[in-house]
Amino acid sequence: YMINCVHPIHFSAILNGASWTDRIHGVSSNASSLSHSELDNAETLDEGCPEEFGRDHSALLDRLTSLNVFGGCCGTSHQHVRAICDSCIVRPCGTSKD
């Protein structure tokens, strides 16, 4: 399974270590941390902060131990994908980045 079209801050709170989270292998997140209703009413695209986006995805590795697919959805660019790579690519799931 994958989580799609939502920024990690909108779903990370429900990742409580329950067995169902082992079935999630991928995320394709929105760049903006705004809610869907805020985005629907926005007059300009909120691209968020790529570095923060990368850190948010790195934090997911602690909670989604089967995570092995990362992607971008609404508002993401190559900068967001680079930030994910910089934060996550050298770090196996379930291990500390330090």
N, C-alpha and C. Protein backbone atom coordinates (compact mmCIF):
# COMPACT_ATOMS: atom_id res chain seq x y z
N TYR A 1 0.82 -1.18 0.00
CA TYR A 1 0.00 0.00 0.00
C TYR A 1 0.87 1.26 0.00
N MET A 2 0.27 2.36 -0.45
CA MET A 2 0.95 3.66 -0.44
C MET A 2 0.02 4.73 0.11
N ILE A 3 0.61 5.77 0.61
CA ILE A 3 -0.13 6.96 1.02
C ILE A 3 0.16 8.02 -0.03
N ASN A 4 -0.88 8.65 -0.54
CA ASN A 4 -0.72 9.56 -1.67
C ASN A 4 -1.44 10.88 -1.44
N CYS A 5 -0.86 11.94 -2.02
CA CYS A 5 -1.50 13.25 -2.14
C CYS A 5 -1.81 13.92 -0.80
N VAL A 6 -0.87 13.81 0.12
CA VAL A 6 -1.02 14.46 1.42
C VAL A 6 0.38 14.66 2.01
N HIS A 7 0.59 15.77 2.69
CA HIS A 7 1.88 16.05 3.33
C HIS A 7 2.03 15.16 4.57
N PRO A 8 3.24 14.70 4.88
CA PRO A 8 3.44 13.80 6.02
C PRO A 8 2.88 14.31 7.35
N ILE A 9 2.85 15.61 7.58
CA ILE A 9 2.35 16.08 8.88
C ILE A 9 0.87 15.78 9.07
N HIS A 10 0.15 15.48 7.98
CA HIS A 10 -1.29 15.21 8.10
C HIS A 10 -1.60 13.75 8.41
N PHE A 11 -0.62 12.86 8.29
CA PHE A 11 -0.90 11.46 8.62
C PHE A 11 0.09 10.86 9.62
N SER A 12 1.17 11.51 9.91
CA SER A 12 2.19 10.91 10.78
C SER A 12 1.68 10.62 12.19
N ALA A 13 0.72 11.38 12.67
CA ALA A 13 0.21 11.18 14.03
C ALA A 13 -0.52 9.85 14.20
N ILE A 14 -1.03 9.28 13.12
CA ILE A 14 -1.76 8.00 13.26
C ILE A 14 -0.86 6.79 13.09
N LEU A 15 0.41 7.03 12.81
CA LEU A 15 1.35 5.92 12.64
C LEU A 15 1.86 5.51 14.01
N ASN A 16 1.11 4.66 14.64
CA ASN A 16 1.33 4.33 16.05
C ASN A 16 2.04 3.00 16.27
N GLY A 17 2.65 2.45 15.24
CA GLY A 17 3.35 1.18 15.40
C GLY A 17 2.46 -0.04 15.30
N ALA A 18 1.18 0.16 14.99
CA ALA A 18 0.27 -0.97 14.83
C ALA A 18 0.71 -1.82 13.63
N SER A 19 0.32 -3.07 13.63
CA SER A 19 0.77 -4.00 12.59
C SER A 19 0.36 -3.56 11.18
N TRP A 20 -0.74 -2.83 11.05
CA TRP A 20 -1.18 -2.42 9.71
C TRP A 20 -0.17 -1.50 9.03
N THR A 21 0.65 -0.80 9.81
CA THR A 21 1.62 0.11 9.19
C THR A 21 2.72 -0.64 8.44
N ASP A 22 2.91 -1.93 8.75
CA ASP A 22 3.90 -2.73 8.02
C ASP A 22 3.52 -2.92 6.56
N ARG A 23 2.26 -2.70 6.24
CA ARG A 23 1.78 -2.89 4.86
C ARG A 23 2.03 -1.66 3.99
N ILE A 24 2.44 -0.57 4.59
CA ILE A 24 2.69 0.66 3.82
C ILE A 24 4.13 0.64 3.34
N HIS A 25 4.29 0.63 2.03
CA HIS A 25 5.62 0.56 1.43
C HIS A 25 6.00 1.85 0.71
N GLY A 26 5.05 2.76 0.54
CA GLY A 26 5.39 3.96 -0.21
C GLY A 26 4.58 5.18 0.19
N VAL A 27 5.17 6.34 -0.08
CA VAL A 27 4.49 7.63 0.09
C VAL A 27 4.76 8.49 -1.13
N SER A 28 3.74 9.19 -1.54
CA SER A 28 3.86 10.18 -2.61
C SER A 28 3.17 11.43 -2.07
N SER A 29 3.96 12.30 -1.49
CA SER A 29 3.44 13.39 -0.66
C SER A 29 3.33 14.72 -1.40
N ASN A 30 2.39 15.52 -0.94
CA ASN A 30 2.27 16.90 -1.42
C ASN A 30 3.40 17.74 -0.81
N ALA A 31 3.84 18.75 -1.55
CA ALA A 31 4.89 19.64 -1.07
C ALA A 31 4.41 20.53 0.06
N SER A 32 3.19 20.98 -0.02
CA SER A 32 2.65 21.93 0.94
C SER A 32 2.12 21.22 2.18
N SER A 33 2.32 21.83 3.32
CA SER A 33 1.74 21.30 4.56
C SER A 33 0.35 21.86 4.83
N LEU A 34 -0.15 22.70 3.92
CA LEU A 34 -1.51 23.21 4.07
C LEU A 34 -2.52 22.07 3.92
N SER A 35 -3.69 22.23 4.52
CA SER A 35 -4.74 21.22 4.38
C SER A 35 -5.29 21.26 2.96
N HIS A 36 -6.01 20.22 2.59
CA HIS A 36 -6.61 20.20 1.25
C HIS A 36 -7.57 21.36 1.06
N SER A 37 -8.33 21.71 2.07
CA SER A 37 -9.26 22.83 1.92
C SER A 37 -8.51 24.15 1.78
N GLU A 38 -7.41 24.31 2.52
CA GLU A 38 -6.60 25.52 2.36
C GLU A 38 -6.00 25.60 0.95
N LEU A 39 -5.55 24.47 0.45
CA LEU A 39 -4.99 24.44 -0.91
C LEU A 39 -6.05 24.73 -1.96
N ASP A 40 -7.26 24.20 -1.75
CA ASP A 40 -8.35 24.45 -2.70
C ASP A 40 -8.68 25.93 -2.79
N ASN A 41 -8.53 26.65 -1.69
CA ASN A 41 -8.87 28.08 -1.66
C ASN A 41 -7.67 29.00 -1.92
N ALA A 42 -6.49 28.43 -2.09
CA ALA A 42 -5.30 29.24 -2.31
C ALA A 42 -5.29 29.80 -3.74
N GLU A 43 -4.82 31.02 -3.85
CA GLU A 43 -4.72 31.65 -5.17
C GLU A 43 -3.39 31.34 -5.85
N THR A 44 -2.39 30.93 -5.07
CA THR A 44 -1.10 30.55 -5.62
C THR A 44 -0.69 29.20 -5.05
N LEU A 45 0.18 28.53 -5.76
CA LEU A 45 0.66 27.22 -5.34
C LEU A 45 1.65 27.38 -4.19
N ASP A 46 1.43 26.66 -3.11
CA ASP A 46 2.36 26.65 -1.98
C ASP A 46 3.31 25.48 -2.20
N GLU A 47 4.57 25.77 -2.48
CA GLU A 47 5.57 24.74 -2.76
C GLU A 47 6.25 24.21 -1.51
N GLY A 48 5.92 24.74 -0.36
CA GLY A 48 6.53 24.27 0.87
C GLY A 48 8.04 24.51 0.89
N CYS A 49 8.71 23.84 1.78
CA CYS A 49 10.17 23.95 1.95
C CYS A 49 10.79 22.59 1.65
N PRO A 50 11.55 22.46 0.58
CA PRO A 50 12.13 21.15 0.24
C PRO A 50 12.95 20.52 1.37
N GLU A 51 13.75 21.30 2.08
CA GLU A 51 14.57 20.73 3.14
C GLU A 51 13.71 20.15 4.26
N GLU A 52 12.68 20.88 4.64
CA GLU A 52 11.74 20.39 5.65
C GLU A 52 11.02 19.14 5.15
N PHE A 53 10.66 19.14 3.89
CA PHE A 53 10.01 18.00 3.24
C PHE A 53 10.89 16.76 3.37
N GLY A 54 12.18 16.92 3.11
CA GLY A 54 13.12 15.81 3.26
C GLY A 54 13.19 15.32 4.69
N ARG A 55 13.27 16.23 5.64
CA ARG A 55 13.33 15.84 7.06
C ARG A 55 12.05 15.12 7.49
N ASP A 56 10.91 15.61 7.01
CA ASP A 56 9.64 14.96 7.35
C ASP A 56 9.60 13.52 6.84
N HIS A 57 10.16 13.30 5.66
CA HIS A 57 10.19 11.94 5.11
C HIS A 57 11.19 11.06 5.86
N SER A 58 12.30 11.62 6.28
CA SER A 58 13.26 10.87 7.07
C SER A 58 12.62 10.41 8.38
N ALA A 59 11.83 11.26 8.99
CA ALA A 59 11.14 10.90 10.24
C ALA A 59 10.16 9.75 10.03
N LEU A 60 9.61 9.63 8.83
CA LEU A 60 8.69 8.53 8.55
C LEU A 60 9.38 7.17 8.62
N LEU A 61 10.68 7.14 8.33
CA LEU A 61 11.40 5.87 8.36
C LEU A 61 11.39 5.23 9.74
N ASP A 62 11.25 6.02 10.79
CA ASP A 62 11.18 5.49 12.14
C ASP A 62 9.83 4.84 12.42
N ARG A 63 8.82 5.23 11.67
CA ARG A 63 7.46 4.78 11.96
C ARG A 63 6.91 3.82 10.92
N LEU A 64 7.45 3.87 9.73
CA LEU A 64 7.03 2.97 8.65
C LEU A 64 8.22 2.11 8.25
N THR A 65 8.37 1.00 8.93
CA THR A 65 9.58 0.20 8.77
C THR A 65 9.66 -0.55 7.44
N SER A 66 8.58 -0.59 6.67
CA SER A 66 8.60 -1.24 5.35
C SER A 66 8.71 -0.22 4.22
N LEU A 67 8.86 1.03 4.55
CA LEU A 67 8.86 2.10 3.55
C LEU A 67 10.07 1.97 2.63
N ASN A 68 9.80 1.82 1.31
CA ASN A 68 10.89 1.72 0.35
C ASN A 68 10.59 2.42 -0.97
N VAL A 69 9.48 3.15 -1.04
CA VAL A 69 9.13 3.92 -2.24
C VAL A 69 8.79 5.34 -1.80
N PHE A 70 9.50 6.30 -2.38
CA PHE A 70 9.24 7.72 -2.09
C PHE A 70 8.92 8.42 -3.40
N GLY A 71 7.98 9.34 -3.33
CA GLY A 71 7.67 10.12 -4.52
C GLY A 71 7.06 11.45 -4.12
N GLY A 72 6.82 12.25 -5.12
CA GLY A 72 6.22 13.55 -4.89
C GLY A 72 4.88 13.63 -5.58
N CYS A 73 3.99 14.40 -5.02
CA CYS A 73 2.68 14.64 -5.61
C CYS A 73 2.56 16.15 -5.81
N CYS A 74 1.41 16.69 -5.55
CA CYS A 74 1.10 18.09 -5.85
C CYS A 74 2.14 19.06 -5.29
N GLY A 75 2.67 19.91 -6.16
CA GLY A 75 3.58 20.97 -5.76
C GLY A 75 5.04 20.58 -5.63
N THR A 76 5.36 19.29 -5.79
CA THR A 76 6.75 18.89 -5.64
C THR A 76 7.53 19.13 -6.92
N SER A 77 8.84 19.26 -6.75
CA SER A 77 9.75 19.47 -7.87
C SER A 77 10.98 18.61 -7.63
N HIS A 78 11.95 18.76 -8.51
CA HIS A 78 13.18 18.00 -8.33
C HIS A 78 13.90 18.39 -7.03
N GLN A 79 13.68 19.60 -6.53
CA GLN A 79 14.29 19.99 -5.26
C GLN A 79 13.72 19.15 -4.10
N HIS A 80 12.43 18.87 -4.15
CA HIS A 80 11.81 18.06 -3.11
C HIS A 80 12.32 16.61 -3.17
N VAL A 81 12.43 16.07 -4.37
CA VAL A 81 12.93 14.71 -4.53
C VAL A 81 14.39 14.65 -4.06
N ARG A 82 15.18 15.64 -4.39
CA ARG A 82 16.58 15.70 -3.93
C ARG A 82 16.63 15.73 -2.40
N ALA A 83 15.76 16.50 -1.79
CA ALA A 83 15.74 16.60 -0.32
C ALA A 83 15.39 15.25 0.31
N ILE A 84 14.47 14.52 -0.30
CA ILE A 84 14.15 13.17 0.18
C ILE A 84 15.39 12.28 0.07
N CYS A 85 16.04 12.33 -1.08
CA CYS A 85 17.25 11.52 -1.27
C CYS A 85 18.32 11.87 -0.24
N ASP A 86 18.55 13.16 -0.06
CA ASP A 86 19.57 13.60 0.89
C ASP A 86 19.26 13.16 2.32
N SER A 87 17.99 13.09 2.65
CA SER A 87 17.58 12.74 4.01
C SER A 87 17.39 11.25 4.23
N CYS A 88 17.08 10.51 3.17
CA CYS A 88 16.62 9.14 3.36
C CYS A 88 17.43 8.07 2.65
N ILE A 89 18.03 8.38 1.54
CA ILE A 89 18.56 7.34 0.68
C ILE A 89 19.67 6.50 1.33
N VAL A 90 20.46 7.09 2.18
CA VAL A 90 21.55 6.33 2.81
C VAL A 90 21.15 5.75 4.17
N ARG A 91 19.87 5.87 4.49
CA ARG A 91 19.40 5.44 5.80
C ARG A 91 18.40 4.30 5.66
N PRO A 92 18.76 3.08 6.03
CA PRO A 92 17.79 1.99 5.98
C PRO A 92 16.61 2.21 6.93
N CYS A 93 15.47 1.67 6.60
CA CYS A 93 14.27 1.80 7.43
C CYS A 93 14.55 1.31 8.85
N GLY A 94 14.01 2.00 9.82
CA GLY A 94 14.09 1.60 11.20
C GLY A 94 15.43 1.87 11.86
N THR A 95 16.30 2.65 11.21
CA THR A 95 17.59 2.98 11.81
C THR A 95 17.71 4.46 12.01
N SER A 96 18.49 4.86 12.98
CA SER A 96 18.70 6.28 13.25
C SER A 96 19.63 6.87 12.21
N LYS A 97 19.38 8.12 11.83
CA LYS A 97 20.24 8.78 10.85
C LYS A 97 21.60 9.13 11.45
N ASP A 98 21.69 9.24 12.77
CA ASP A 98 22.96 9.62 13.44
C ASP A 98 23.96 8.51 13.42
